[in-house]
Protein backbone atom coordinates (compact mmCIF):
# COMPACT_ATOMS: atom_id res chain seq x y z
CA UNK A 1 12.30 -141.94 -106.78
CA UNK A 2 14.69 -141.92 -103.84
CA UNK A 3 14.05 -142.18 -100.10
CA UNK A 4 15.18 -138.57 -99.79
CA UNK A 5 11.64 -137.19 -99.95
CA UNK A 6 9.02 -139.73 -98.79
CA UNK A 7 6.39 -136.98 -98.51
CA UNK A 8 7.17 -136.07 -102.11
CA UNK A 9 6.54 -139.65 -103.15
CA UNK A 10 3.03 -139.37 -101.77
CA UNK A 11 2.48 -136.21 -103.79
CA UNK A 12 3.76 -137.92 -106.93
CA UNK A 13 1.43 -140.89 -106.48
CA UNK A 14 -1.50 -138.49 -106.16
CA UNK A 15 -0.35 -136.43 -109.15
CA UNK A 16 -0.08 -139.52 -111.33
CA UNK A 17 -3.58 -140.57 -110.30
CA UNK A 18 -4.82 -137.08 -111.18
CA UNK A 19 -3.25 -137.37 -114.63
CA UNK A 20 -4.94 -140.72 -115.16
CA UNK A 21 -8.31 -139.11 -114.38
CA UNK A 22 -7.67 -135.81 -116.18
CA UNK A 23 -4.61 -135.52 -118.45
CA UNK A 24 -4.80 -131.72 -118.38
CA UNK A 25 -3.59 -131.74 -114.76
CA UNK A 26 -0.12 -132.74 -115.91
CA UNK A 27 0.76 -129.13 -116.74
CA UNK A 28 0.28 -127.93 -113.18
CA UNK A 29 1.96 -130.99 -111.70
CA UNK A 30 4.96 -130.48 -113.97
CA UNK A 31 5.35 -126.93 -112.66
CA UNK A 32 4.96 -128.01 -109.02
CA UNK A 33 7.22 -131.06 -109.11
CA UNK A 34 10.44 -129.51 -107.82
CA UNK A 35 8.68 -127.84 -104.90
CA UNK A 36 6.95 -131.08 -103.94
CA UNK A 37 9.75 -133.64 -104.32
CA UNK A 38 12.95 -131.56 -104.24
CA UNK A 39 15.74 -130.83 -106.67
CA UNK A 40 18.52 -133.04 -105.37
CA UNK A 41 20.64 -135.33 -107.55
CA UNK A 42 19.58 -138.92 -108.03
CA UNK A 43 23.19 -140.08 -107.56
CA UNK A 44 24.77 -137.59 -105.18
CA UNK A 45 28.00 -139.56 -104.71
CA UNK A 46 28.97 -139.67 -108.39
CA UNK A 47 26.85 -136.89 -109.89
CA UNK A 48 26.42 -134.21 -107.20
CA UNK A 49 24.97 -131.63 -109.58
CA UNK A 50 22.50 -134.05 -111.14
CA UNK A 51 23.71 -133.19 -114.64
CA UNK A 52 24.64 -136.68 -115.81
CA UNK A 53 21.99 -138.91 -114.29
CA UNK A 54 19.33 -136.35 -113.46
CA UNK A 55 17.63 -135.02 -110.36
CA UNK A 56 14.75 -136.06 -108.13
CA UNK A 57 12.40 -133.67 -109.91
CA UNK A 58 13.59 -135.01 -113.29
CA UNK A 59 12.50 -138.47 -112.15
CA UNK A 60 9.17 -137.18 -110.88
CA UNK A 61 8.41 -135.44 -114.16
CA UNK A 62 9.46 -138.53 -116.09
CA UNK A 63 6.95 -140.53 -114.06
CA UNK A 64 4.27 -137.97 -114.92
CA UNK A 65 5.13 -138.31 -118.62
CA UNK A 66 4.69 -142.07 -118.36
CA UNK A 67 1.34 -141.58 -116.61
CA UNK A 68 0.26 -139.13 -119.30
CA UNK A 69 1.18 -141.44 -122.16
CA UNK A 70 -0.49 -144.38 -120.42
CA UNK A 71 -3.66 -142.26 -120.37
CA UNK A 72 -3.67 -140.54 -123.78
CA UNK A 73 -1.58 -142.95 -125.84
CA UNK A 74 1.26 -142.50 -128.30
CA UNK A 75 -0.76 -141.00 -131.14
CA UNK A 76 -1.02 -137.37 -132.25
CA UNK A 77 -2.67 -136.23 -128.99
CA UNK A 78 0.11 -137.67 -126.87
CA UNK A 79 2.77 -136.17 -129.13
CA UNK A 80 1.09 -132.75 -129.01
CA UNK A 81 0.82 -132.83 -125.22
CA UNK A 82 4.48 -133.74 -124.74
CA UNK A 83 5.52 -131.06 -127.21
CA UNK A 84 3.46 -128.47 -125.33
CA UNK A 85 4.94 -129.53 -121.98
CA UNK A 86 8.42 -129.11 -123.42
CA UNK A 87 7.86 -125.86 -125.31
CA UNK A 88 6.05 -124.17 -122.44
CA UNK A 89 8.45 -125.37 -119.77
CA UNK A 90 11.69 -124.11 -118.30
CA UNK A 91 14.93 -126.05 -118.57
CA UNK A 92 14.03 -128.42 -115.74
CA UNK A 93 10.61 -129.17 -117.20
CA UNK A 94 12.18 -129.78 -120.60
CA UNK A 95 14.57 -132.27 -119.03
CA UNK A 96 11.57 -133.98 -117.49
CA UNK A 97 9.96 -134.53 -120.88
CA UNK A 98 13.18 -136.00 -122.29
CA UNK A 99 13.68 -138.21 -119.24
CA UNK A 100 10.09 -139.35 -119.65
CA UNK A 101 10.80 -140.42 -123.21
CA UNK A 102 13.79 -142.32 -121.83
CA UNK A 103 11.55 -144.09 -119.32
CA UNK A 104 9.09 -145.08 -122.04
CA UNK A 105 11.94 -146.32 -124.24
CA UNK A 106 13.45 -148.37 -121.43
CA UNK A 107 10.05 -149.90 -120.76
CA UNK A 108 10.04 -151.15 -124.34
CA UNK A 109 6.97 -149.26 -125.50
CA UNK A 110 6.12 -148.72 -129.15
CA UNK A 111 6.28 -144.93 -129.10
CA UNK A 112 4.40 -144.28 -132.32
CA UNK A 113 3.96 -140.55 -132.96
CA UNK A 114 6.12 -139.75 -129.94
CA UNK A 115 9.24 -140.65 -131.93
CA UNK A 116 9.18 -137.81 -134.50
CA UNK A 117 7.93 -135.40 -131.85
CA UNK A 118 10.64 -136.52 -129.44
CA UNK A 119 13.33 -136.16 -132.08
CA UNK A 120 12.32 -132.54 -132.62
CA UNK A 121 12.53 -131.91 -128.89
CA UNK A 122 15.89 -133.67 -128.62
CA UNK A 123 17.23 -131.58 -131.50
CA UNK A 124 16.13 -128.43 -129.68
CA UNK A 125 17.80 -129.60 -126.47
CA UNK A 126 21.03 -130.33 -128.31
CA UNK A 127 21.13 -126.73 -129.53
CA UNK A 128 21.02 -125.49 -125.94
CA UNK A 129 24.01 -124.43 -123.87
CA UNK A 130 22.63 -126.04 -120.71
CA UNK A 131 24.72 -129.17 -120.00
CA UNK A 132 21.94 -130.93 -118.09
CA UNK A 133 19.53 -130.47 -120.99
CA UNK A 134 22.06 -131.77 -123.51
CA UNK A 135 22.75 -134.75 -121.25
CA UNK A 136 19.03 -135.51 -121.05
CA UNK A 137 18.88 -135.74 -124.84
CA UNK A 138 21.38 -138.62 -125.08
CA UNK A 139 19.66 -141.13 -122.84
CA UNK A 140 17.89 -144.30 -124.02
CA UNK A 141 15.51 -142.43 -126.35
CA UNK A 142 18.39 -140.58 -128.03
CA UNK A 143 20.50 -143.74 -128.20
CA UNK A 144 17.76 -145.53 -130.08
CA UNK A 145 16.40 -142.79 -132.32
CA UNK A 146 18.97 -140.04 -133.02
CA UNK A 147 20.64 -140.36 -136.41
CA UNK A 148 24.35 -141.07 -136.24
CA UNK A 149 25.46 -137.61 -137.42
CA UNK A 150 23.39 -135.84 -134.76
CA UNK A 151 24.42 -138.32 -132.11
CA UNK A 152 28.15 -137.88 -132.79
CA UNK A 153 27.91 -134.11 -132.49
CA UNK A 154 25.93 -134.46 -129.28
CA UNK A 155 28.69 -136.60 -127.78
CA UNK A 156 31.37 -134.08 -128.71
CA UNK A 157 29.25 -131.23 -127.36
CA UNK A 158 29.15 -132.95 -123.99
CA UNK A 159 32.94 -133.27 -124.05
CA UNK A 160 33.26 -129.59 -124.98
CA UNK A 161 30.94 -128.63 -122.13
CA UNK A 162 32.89 -130.75 -119.67
CA UNK A 163 30.04 -133.18 -119.00
CA UNK A 164 30.92 -136.80 -118.28
CA UNK A 165 30.16 -139.20 -121.10
CA UNK A 166 28.49 -141.38 -118.50
CA UNK A 167 25.43 -139.39 -119.61
CA UNK A 168 25.45 -141.11 -123.01
CA UNK A 169 23.39 -144.28 -123.15
CA UNK A 170 24.99 -147.07 -125.22
CA UNK A 171 28.13 -145.03 -125.88
CA UNK A 172 30.21 -148.11 -126.67
CA UNK A 173 27.55 -149.55 -128.93
CA UNK A 174 27.18 -146.46 -131.13
CA UNK A 175 30.74 -145.08 -131.16
CA UNK A 176 32.32 -145.49 -134.59
CA UNK A 177 35.33 -144.57 -136.70
CA UNK A 178 33.93 -141.18 -137.65
CA UNK A 179 33.45 -140.26 -133.99
CA UNK A 180 37.02 -141.42 -133.40
CA UNK A 181 38.24 -139.07 -136.14
CA UNK A 182 36.20 -136.15 -134.79
CA UNK A 183 37.49 -136.76 -131.28
CA UNK A 184 41.11 -136.88 -132.44
CA UNK A 185 40.66 -133.66 -134.43
CA UNK A 186 39.13 -131.99 -131.39
CA UNK A 187 42.04 -133.14 -129.20
CA UNK A 188 44.56 -131.85 -131.75
CA UNK A 189 42.86 -128.45 -131.81
CA UNK A 190 42.96 -128.27 -128.01
CA UNK A 191 46.64 -129.16 -127.90
CA UNK A 192 47.48 -126.63 -130.62
CA UNK A 193 45.75 -123.96 -128.57
CA UNK A 194 47.64 -124.97 -125.44
CA UNK A 195 44.48 -126.18 -123.75
CA UNK A 196 43.84 -129.29 -121.68
CA UNK A 197 42.46 -132.30 -123.53
CA UNK A 198 39.43 -133.74 -121.67
CA UNK A 199 40.11 -137.22 -120.34
CA UNK A 200 36.75 -138.46 -121.63
CA UNK A 201 38.06 -138.25 -125.19
CA UNK A 202 39.93 -141.49 -124.49
CA UNK A 203 36.56 -143.22 -124.27
CA UNK A 204 35.66 -142.44 -127.88
CA UNK A 205 39.00 -142.92 -129.61
CA UNK A 206 40.37 -146.26 -130.73
CA UNK A 207 37.14 -147.04 -132.59
CA UNK A 208 38.60 -147.30 -136.09
CA UNK A 209 37.54 -150.94 -136.38
CA UNK A 210 33.92 -149.87 -136.32
CA UNK A 211 31.82 -148.65 -139.25
CA UNK A 212 32.37 -145.01 -140.13
CA UNK A 213 28.76 -144.38 -141.06
CA UNK A 214 25.67 -145.81 -139.51
CA UNK A 215 22.03 -145.21 -140.35
CA UNK A 216 19.54 -143.86 -137.85
CA UNK A 217 18.63 -146.47 -135.27
CA UNK A 218 14.99 -145.43 -135.31
CA UNK A 219 12.87 -148.52 -135.78
CA UNK A 220 9.44 -147.00 -135.99
């Protein structure tokens, strides 16, 4: 959390404690998060809309996801609860679930049943036309668990939507020759149509020395 909303930090601490006592309280706290902590960007200088790196309420909901999983575990119950939070939530709440999976991944947890559940949620997010939701699906969880085909198309979708590829965790590590080819084809189509070629395409071309096909990075 940021120093922007110290009162909101107090609310979040209490909400996390509530979840530890009664996991069912997470649903209400998820809905209240933006009103309690705010909706501002986490990195206002470089990401003023909060699309790439998320918002204050994204971070609060991610913390609630971590508290929930710490309480109920990574088995079927935890997977079902995260799925329900996502399916029943609006776009912001869905981002919060995905950012929570990122937080758990970064922490190095064995995610167990959360992996297949999270992949279904990430796939749903990647079908959306909301840039912030797509960006939330390519964080640390997506970098580790999305199969290469899905991941490549997610990267190009961000370029198409005009979202900075700074949103993509481990971009350099996963970019490959096939992504290079797709990016060059996309650039050629834009030029043929007389349209501007996004500058971010330069970040994913020149990768022909890398493997053209990679397996899913899921380890579970």
